[in-house]
Amino acid sequence: MEQKVAIKSYPALFSVLSHITAEDTEIEIEETKERIKIPFRALALLTDILKAMSEGKPISIVPIATEVTTQKAAEILGCSRPYLVKLLEDGKMKFVKIGKHRRIKFEDVLAYKQQMKEDQKRDIIDIMAFDEEIGMYDS
């Protein structure tokens, strides 16, 4: 049910946002006729949420300055917690220790994930170039 509503509402909200220029916007809740001021960035985020919901993707909202646990960071990166701990101990990402627990800045996890994607893309290009060099890849 939620996905169907998101599928219908995402394009409408996306279209409306393209015509808004003010930083503070006002929306009206049809059922109560109540008008609410909402920052433009919050509406843009709502658009992203609706898009993900319409595609059946799970949603998680975490403030950027937040520190995450090693388990949450591992989930974000798509790896095991022990592998993440090894990355931390090898100095691949900064972290702080609170007692026995490690905490990683959410923005550092996202930066590492982006770097992983860039490294993967570069590796694929290198493999394709090598395959072409030895005649395995026909361009």
N, C-alpha and C. Protein backbone atom coordinates (compact mmCIF):
# COMPACT_ATOMS: atom_id res chain seq x y z
N MET A 1 0.82 -1.19 0.00
CA MET A 1 0.00 0.00 0.00
C MET A 1 0.87 1.26 0.00
N GLU A 2 1.86 1.31 0.90
CA GLU A 2 2.73 2.48 0.97
C GLU A 2 3.47 2.70 -0.35
N GLN A 3 3.91 1.59 -0.95
CA GLN A 3 4.65 1.69 -2.20
C GLN A 3 3.77 2.27 -3.30
N LYS A 4 2.51 1.87 -3.35
CA LYS A 4 1.60 2.40 -4.37
C LYS A 4 1.39 3.90 -4.20
N VAL A 5 1.22 4.33 -2.96
CA VAL A 5 1.05 5.77 -2.69
C VAL A 5 2.31 6.52 -3.08
N ALA A 6 3.47 5.96 -2.74
CA ALA A 6 4.75 6.60 -3.09
C ALA A 6 4.93 6.69 -4.60
N ILE A 7 4.52 5.65 -5.31
CA ILE A 7 4.63 5.65 -6.78
C ILE A 7 3.81 6.79 -7.37
N LYS A 8 2.63 7.05 -6.80
CA LYS A 8 1.77 8.13 -7.31
C LYS A 8 2.27 9.52 -6.87
N SER A 9 2.75 9.63 -5.64
CA SER A 9 3.08 10.95 -5.10
C SER A 9 4.47 11.44 -5.49
N TYR A 10 5.41 10.53 -5.74
CA TYR A 10 6.77 10.96 -6.08
C TYR A 10 6.83 11.88 -7.30
N PRO A 11 6.26 11.49 -8.45
CA PRO A 11 6.37 12.37 -9.62
C PRO A 11 5.71 13.74 -9.40
N ALA A 12 4.59 13.75 -8.67
CA ALA A 12 3.90 15.01 -8.41
C ALA A 12 4.76 15.94 -7.55
N LEU A 13 5.32 15.41 -6.48
CA LEU A 13 6.16 16.24 -5.61
C LEU A 13 7.42 16.69 -6.34
N PHE A 14 8.02 15.79 -7.09
CA PHE A 14 9.22 16.14 -7.87
C PHE A 14 8.92 17.29 -8.82
N SER A 15 7.79 17.22 -9.50
CA SER A 15 7.39 18.27 -10.45
C SER A 15 7.16 19.60 -9.74
N VAL A 16 6.46 19.56 -8.61
CA VAL A 16 6.18 20.79 -7.85
C VAL A 16 7.48 21.43 -7.37
N LEU A 17 8.42 20.63 -6.88
CA LEU A 17 9.68 21.17 -6.36
C LEU A 17 10.48 21.90 -7.44
N SER A 18 10.33 21.49 -8.68
CA SER A 18 11.09 22.15 -9.75
C SER A 18 10.62 23.58 -9.99
N HIS A 19 9.44 23.94 -9.48
CA HIS A 19 8.91 25.29 -9.66
C HIS A 19 9.06 26.17 -8.42
N ILE A 20 9.56 25.59 -7.34
CA ILE A 20 9.70 26.35 -6.08
C ILE A 20 11.07 26.98 -6.02
N THR A 21 11.11 28.28 -5.67
CA THR A 21 12.39 28.98 -5.56
C THR A 21 12.67 29.44 -4.13
N ALA A 22 11.64 29.49 -3.28
CA ALA A 22 11.81 29.97 -1.90
C ALA A 22 12.45 28.89 -1.04
N GLU A 23 13.19 29.33 -0.03
CA GLU A 23 13.81 28.39 0.91
C GLU A 23 12.78 27.83 1.89
N ASP A 24 11.82 28.67 2.29
CA ASP A 24 10.74 28.21 3.16
C ASP A 24 9.51 27.98 2.30
N THR A 25 8.97 26.80 2.36
CA THR A 25 7.77 26.48 1.60
C THR A 25 6.64 26.17 2.56
N GLU A 26 5.45 26.24 2.05
CA GLU A 26 4.31 25.96 2.89
C GLU A 26 3.48 24.88 2.22
N ILE A 27 3.10 23.87 2.98
CA ILE A 27 2.25 22.82 2.44
C ILE A 27 0.94 22.82 3.22
N GLU A 28 -0.07 22.22 2.62
CA GLU A 28 -1.36 22.13 3.30
C GLU A 28 -1.75 20.66 3.41
N ILE A 29 -2.15 20.27 4.60
CA ILE A 29 -2.64 18.91 4.83
C ILE A 29 -4.12 18.92 4.47
N GLU A 30 -4.47 18.19 3.44
CA GLU A 30 -5.83 18.23 2.91
C GLU A 30 -6.89 17.88 3.95
N GLU A 31 -6.65 16.84 4.75
CA GLU A 31 -7.65 16.39 5.71
C GLU A 31 -7.98 17.43 6.77
N THR A 32 -6.96 18.18 7.22
CA THR A 32 -7.19 19.14 8.31
C THR A 32 -7.16 20.59 7.84
N LYS A 33 -6.79 20.81 6.60
CA LYS A 33 -6.64 22.16 6.03
C LYS A 33 -5.57 22.97 6.76
N GLU A 34 -4.74 22.29 7.54
CA GLU A 34 -3.66 22.96 8.27
C GLU A 34 -2.50 23.24 7.33
N ARG A 35 -1.94 24.44 7.42
CA ARG A 35 -0.81 24.84 6.58
C ARG A 35 0.45 24.79 7.44
N ILE A 36 1.50 24.18 6.90
CA ILE A 36 2.75 23.99 7.65
C ILE A 36 3.91 24.51 6.82
N LYS A 37 4.76 25.32 7.46
CA LYS A 37 5.98 25.79 6.79
C LYS A 37 7.05 24.71 6.92
N ILE A 38 7.69 24.39 5.80
CA ILE A 38 8.72 23.35 5.77
C ILE A 38 9.90 23.87 4.97
N PRO A 39 11.12 23.68 5.48
CA PRO A 39 12.29 24.09 4.69
C PRO A 39 12.33 23.33 3.36
N PHE A 40 12.78 24.00 2.33
CA PHE A 40 12.85 23.40 0.99
C PHE A 40 13.66 22.10 1.03
N ARG A 41 14.78 22.11 1.77
CA ARG A 41 15.62 20.91 1.83
C ARG A 41 14.87 19.71 2.41
N ALA A 42 13.95 19.97 3.35
CA ALA A 42 13.15 18.88 3.92
C ALA A 42 12.21 18.30 2.87
N LEU A 43 11.63 19.16 2.03
CA LEU A 43 10.77 18.66 0.95
C LEU A 43 11.59 17.89 -0.08
N ALA A 44 12.79 18.37 -0.36
CA ALA A 44 13.67 17.65 -1.30
C ALA A 44 14.01 16.27 -0.73
N LEU A 45 14.26 16.20 0.56
CA LEU A 45 14.54 14.92 1.21
C LEU A 45 13.31 14.01 1.13
N LEU A 46 12.12 14.59 1.32
CA LEU A 46 10.89 13.82 1.20
C LEU A 46 10.76 13.24 -0.20
N THR A 47 11.17 14.00 -1.20
CA THR A 47 11.16 13.49 -2.58
C THR A 47 12.06 12.27 -2.71
N ASP A 48 13.25 12.34 -2.14
CA ASP A 48 14.18 11.19 -2.17
C ASP A 48 13.58 9.98 -1.45
N ILE A 49 12.91 10.23 -0.34
CA ILE A 49 12.28 9.15 0.42
C ILE A 49 11.17 8.50 -0.40
N LEU A 50 10.34 9.31 -1.03
CA LEU A 50 9.25 8.77 -1.85
C LEU A 50 9.78 7.97 -3.03
N LYS A 51 10.86 8.44 -3.63
CA LYS A 51 11.46 7.72 -4.76
C LYS A 51 11.93 6.33 -4.29
N ALA A 52 12.64 6.30 -3.18
CA ALA A 52 13.13 5.02 -2.65
C ALA A 52 11.97 4.10 -2.28
N MET A 53 10.95 4.64 -1.64
CA MET A 53 9.79 3.84 -1.26
C MET A 53 9.07 3.30 -2.50
N SER A 54 8.97 4.12 -3.55
CA SER A 54 8.29 3.67 -4.77
C SER A 54 9.05 2.53 -5.44
N GLU A 55 10.35 2.47 -5.19
CA GLU A 55 11.19 1.39 -5.74
C GLU A 55 11.30 0.21 -4.78
N GLY A 56 10.60 0.30 -3.64
CA GLY A 56 10.61 -0.79 -2.67
C GLY A 56 11.88 -0.87 -1.85
N LYS A 57 12.64 0.22 -1.82
CA LYS A 57 13.90 0.22 -1.05
C LYS A 57 13.64 0.65 0.39
N PRO A 58 14.37 0.06 1.35
CA PRO A 58 14.22 0.48 2.74
C PRO A 58 14.83 1.87 2.94
N ILE A 59 14.33 2.58 3.93
CA ILE A 59 14.75 3.96 4.21
C ILE A 59 15.40 4.02 5.59
N SER A 60 16.49 4.78 5.67
CA SER A 60 17.11 5.06 6.96
C SER A 60 17.61 6.48 6.92
N ILE A 61 17.24 7.27 7.89
CA ILE A 61 17.68 8.66 7.94
C ILE A 61 18.59 8.82 9.14
N VAL A 62 19.82 9.30 8.88
CA VAL A 62 20.80 9.48 9.94
C VAL A 62 21.39 10.88 9.79
N PRO A 63 21.36 11.69 10.84
CA PRO A 63 22.00 13.00 10.74
C PRO A 63 23.49 12.84 10.40
N ILE A 64 23.99 13.70 9.55
CA ILE A 64 25.36 13.59 9.04
C ILE A 64 26.41 13.61 10.16
N ALA A 65 26.23 14.40 11.17
CA ALA A 65 27.26 14.52 12.20
C ALA A 65 27.26 13.33 13.16
N THR A 66 26.35 12.41 12.99
CA THR A 66 26.21 11.29 13.91
C THR A 66 27.37 10.30 13.80
N GLU A 67 27.72 9.73 14.92
CA GLU A 67 28.67 8.63 14.92
C GLU A 67 27.87 7.34 14.91
N VAL A 68 28.36 6.35 14.18
CA VAL A 68 27.65 5.07 14.09
C VAL A 68 28.48 3.96 14.71
N THR A 69 27.80 2.88 15.06
CA THR A 69 28.48 1.72 15.61
C THR A 69 29.20 0.97 14.50
N THR A 70 30.06 0.05 14.88
CA THR A 70 30.75 -0.75 13.87
C THR A 70 29.75 -1.62 13.11
N GLN A 71 28.71 -2.07 13.77
CA GLN A 71 27.69 -2.89 13.10
C GLN A 71 26.96 -2.08 12.03
N LYS A 72 26.56 -0.85 12.39
CA LYS A 72 25.84 0.00 11.43
C LYS A 72 26.76 0.37 10.27
N ALA A 73 28.01 0.69 10.56
CA ALA A 73 28.97 1.04 9.50
C ALA A 73 29.17 -0.15 8.56
N ALA A 74 29.26 -1.35 9.12
CA ALA A 74 29.42 -2.55 8.30
C ALA A 74 28.21 -2.76 7.40
N GLU A 75 27.01 -2.51 7.92
CA GLU A 75 25.79 -2.63 7.12
C GLU A 75 25.80 -1.63 5.97
N ILE A 76 26.21 -0.41 6.25
CA ILE A 76 26.26 0.64 5.21
C ILE A 76 27.24 0.25 4.11
N LEU A 77 28.38 -0.31 4.50
CA LEU A 77 29.41 -0.68 3.53
C LEU A 77 29.15 -2.03 2.88
N GLY A 78 28.25 -2.82 3.45
CA GLY A 78 27.96 -4.13 2.90
C GLY A 78 29.05 -5.15 3.18
N CYS A 79 29.63 -5.06 4.38
CA CYS A 79 30.69 -6.00 4.75
C CYS A 79 30.39 -6.52 6.16
N SER A 80 31.20 -7.45 6.61
CA SER A 80 31.00 -7.99 7.96
C SER A 80 31.59 -7.02 8.99
N ARG A 81 31.11 -7.13 10.22
CA ARG A 81 31.64 -6.28 11.29
C ARG A 81 33.12 -6.59 11.56
N PRO A 82 33.53 -7.87 11.59
CA PRO A 82 34.95 -8.15 11.81
C PRO A 82 35.84 -7.53 10.71
N TYR A 83 35.37 -7.56 9.46
CA TYR A 83 36.14 -6.96 8.37
C TYR A 83 36.25 -5.45 8.58
N LEU A 84 35.16 -4.82 9.00
CA LEU A 84 35.18 -3.38 9.26
C LEU A 84 36.15 -3.05 10.38
N VAL A 85 36.13 -3.84 11.44
CA VAL A 85 37.04 -3.61 12.57
C VAL A 85 38.49 -3.68 12.09
N LYS A 86 38.78 -4.64 11.19
CA LYS A 86 40.13 -4.74 10.63
C LYS A 86 40.48 -3.47 9.85
N LEU A 87 39.53 -2.94 9.07
CA LEU A 87 39.76 -1.68 8.34
C LEU A 87 40.11 -0.56 9.32
N LEU A 88 39.37 -0.51 10.42
CA LEU A 88 39.61 0.54 11.43
C LEU A 88 40.99 0.38 12.05
N GLU A 89 41.30 -0.84 12.45
CA GLU A 89 42.59 -1.10 13.10
C GLU A 89 43.76 -0.89 12.14
N ASP A 90 43.53 -1.07 10.83
CA ASP A 90 44.57 -0.83 9.82
C ASP A 90 44.68 0.65 9.44
N GLY A 91 43.84 1.50 10.06
CA GLY A 91 43.91 2.94 9.81
C GLY A 91 43.23 3.38 8.52
N LYS A 92 42.35 2.56 7.96
CA LYS A 92 41.67 2.92 6.71
C LYS A 92 40.57 3.95 6.95
N MET A 93 40.05 3.98 8.18
CA MET A 93 39.04 4.96 8.57
C MET A 93 39.31 5.41 9.99
N LYS A 94 38.99 6.68 10.24
CA LYS A 94 39.16 7.21 11.60
C LYS A 94 38.00 6.73 12.48
N PHE A 95 38.28 6.56 13.76
CA PHE A 95 37.24 6.20 14.71
C PHE A 95 37.66 6.68 16.09
N VAL A 96 36.69 6.70 16.98
CA VAL A 96 36.99 7.00 18.38
C VAL A 96 36.53 5.80 19.21
N LYS A 97 37.20 5.63 20.33
CA LYS A 97 36.82 4.55 21.23
C LYS A 97 36.13 5.17 22.44
N ILE A 98 34.96 4.64 22.74
CA ILE A 98 34.22 5.06 23.93
C ILE A 98 34.14 3.81 24.80
N GLY A 99 35.01 3.76 25.79
CA GLY A 99 35.13 2.54 26.58
C GLY A 99 35.72 1.46 25.67
N LYS A 100 35.00 0.37 25.52
CA LYS A 100 35.46 -0.71 24.65
C LYS A 100 34.85 -0.62 23.25
N HIS A 101 33.97 0.35 23.05
CA HIS A 101 33.22 0.44 21.80
C HIS A 101 33.83 1.46 20.83
N ARG A 102 33.87 1.09 19.56
CA ARG A 102 34.36 2.00 18.52
C ARG A 102 33.18 2.73 17.91
N ARG A 103 33.38 4.00 17.61
CA ARG A 103 32.36 4.81 16.92
C ARG A 103 33.04 5.48 15.73
N ILE A 104 32.31 5.51 14.61
CA ILE A 104 32.84 6.08 13.37
C ILE A 104 31.88 7.18 12.92
N LYS A 105 32.42 8.30 12.47
CA LYS A 105 31.56 9.36 11.95
C LYS A 105 30.86 8.84 10.69
N PHE A 106 29.56 9.09 10.63
CA PHE A 106 28.75 8.66 9.50
C PHE A 106 29.33 9.18 8.19
N GLU A 107 29.76 10.44 8.20
CA GLU A 107 30.31 11.03 6.96
C GLU A 107 31.59 10.32 6.53
N ASP A 108 32.37 9.81 7.49
CA ASP A 108 33.59 9.05 7.14
C ASP A 108 33.24 7.71 6.50
N VAL A 109 32.16 7.09 6.99
CA VAL A 109 31.71 5.83 6.40
C VAL A 109 31.27 6.07 4.95
N LEU A 110 30.51 7.14 4.72
CA LEU A 110 30.06 7.46 3.36
C LEU A 110 31.23 7.79 2.45
N ALA A 111 32.22 8.52 2.98
CA ALA A 111 33.40 8.85 2.17
C ALA A 111 34.16 7.58 1.80
N TYR A 112 34.29 6.65 2.73
CA TYR A 112 34.99 5.40 2.44
C TYR A 112 34.21 4.59 1.40
N LYS A 113 32.89 4.58 1.52
CA LYS A 113 32.05 3.86 0.55
C LYS A 113 32.23 4.46 -0.85
N GLN A 114 32.27 5.78 -0.94
CA GLN A 114 32.47 6.44 -2.24
C GLN A 114 33.84 6.09 -2.80
N GLN A 115 34.85 6.07 -1.95
CA GLN A 115 36.20 5.71 -2.40
C GLN A 115 36.24 4.27 -2.90
N MET A 116 35.51 3.38 -2.21
CA MET A 116 35.44 1.98 -2.65
C MET A 116 34.84 1.90 -4.05
N LYS A 117 33.77 2.67 -4.30
CA LYS A 117 33.14 2.66 -5.62
C LYS A 117 34.09 3.16 -6.70
N GLU A 118 34.82 4.22 -6.38
CA GLU A 118 35.78 4.77 -7.34
C GLU A 118 36.90 3.77 -7.62
N ASP A 119 37.38 3.10 -6.58
CA ASP A 119 38.43 2.08 -6.76
C ASP A 119 37.93 0.92 -7.61
N GLN A 120 36.69 0.49 -7.35
CA GLN A 120 36.12 -0.61 -8.13
C GLN A 120 36.00 -0.22 -9.61
N LYS A 121 35.54 1.00 -9.86
CA LYS A 121 35.38 1.47 -11.24
C LYS A 121 36.74 1.49 -11.94
N ARG A 122 37.75 2.01 -11.25
CA ARG A 122 39.11 2.07 -11.82
C ARG A 122 39.63 0.66 -12.09
N ASP A 123 39.38 -0.27 -11.17
CA ASP A 123 39.84 -1.65 -11.35
C ASP A 123 39.16 -2.31 -12.55
N ILE A 124 37.88 -2.06 -12.72
CA ILE A 124 37.16 -2.64 -13.87
C ILE A 124 37.72 -2.09 -15.17
N ILE A 125 37.99 -0.80 -15.21
CA ILE A 125 38.57 -0.19 -16.42
C ILE A 125 39.93 -0.79 -16.71
N ASP A 126 40.74 -0.98 -15.66
CA ASP A 126 42.07 -1.59 -15.83
C ASP A 126 41.96 -3.02 -16.37
N ILE A 127 41.01 -3.78 -15.84
CA ILE A 127 40.82 -5.17 -16.29
C ILE A 127 40.39 -5.19 -17.76
N MET A 128 39.47 -4.30 -18.10
CA MET A 128 39.00 -4.24 -19.50
C MET A 128 40.15 -3.86 -20.44
N ALA A 129 40.97 -2.91 -20.01
CA ALA A 129 42.11 -2.49 -20.83
C ALA A 129 43.10 -3.64 -21.00
N PHE A 130 43.34 -4.39 -19.93
CA PHE A 130 44.26 -5.53 -20.01
C PHE A 130 43.69 -6.61 -20.93
N ASP A 131 42.40 -6.90 -20.77
CA ASP A 131 41.76 -7.90 -21.64
C ASP A 131 41.84 -7.49 -23.11
N GLU A 132 41.66 -6.21 -23.36
CA GLU A 132 41.74 -5.71 -24.74
C GLU A 132 43.17 -5.85 -25.26
N GLU A 133 44.13 -5.56 -24.39
CA GLU A 133 45.54 -5.65 -24.75
C GLU A 133 45.93 -7.06 -25.20
N ILE A 134 45.43 -8.05 -24.48
CA ILE A 134 45.80 -9.43 -24.79
C ILE A 134 44.82 -10.09 -25.77
N GLY A 135 43.86 -9.32 -26.28
CA GLY A 135 42.96 -9.81 -27.31
C GLY A 135 41.73 -10.54 -26.82
N MET A 136 41.43 -10.43 -25.53
CA MET A 136 40.25 -11.13 -24.99
C MET A 136 39.01 -10.29 -25.08
N TYR A 137 39.17 -8.99 -25.22
CA TYR A 137 38.04 -8.07 -25.22
C TYR A 137 37.99 -7.41 -26.58
N ASP A 138 36.89 -7.53 -27.27
CA ASP A 138 36.78 -6.98 -28.61
C ASP A 138 35.96 -5.70 -28.52
N SER A 139 36.60 -4.57 -28.77
CA SER A 139 35.88 -3.29 -28.66
C SER A 139 35.22 -2.88 -29.93
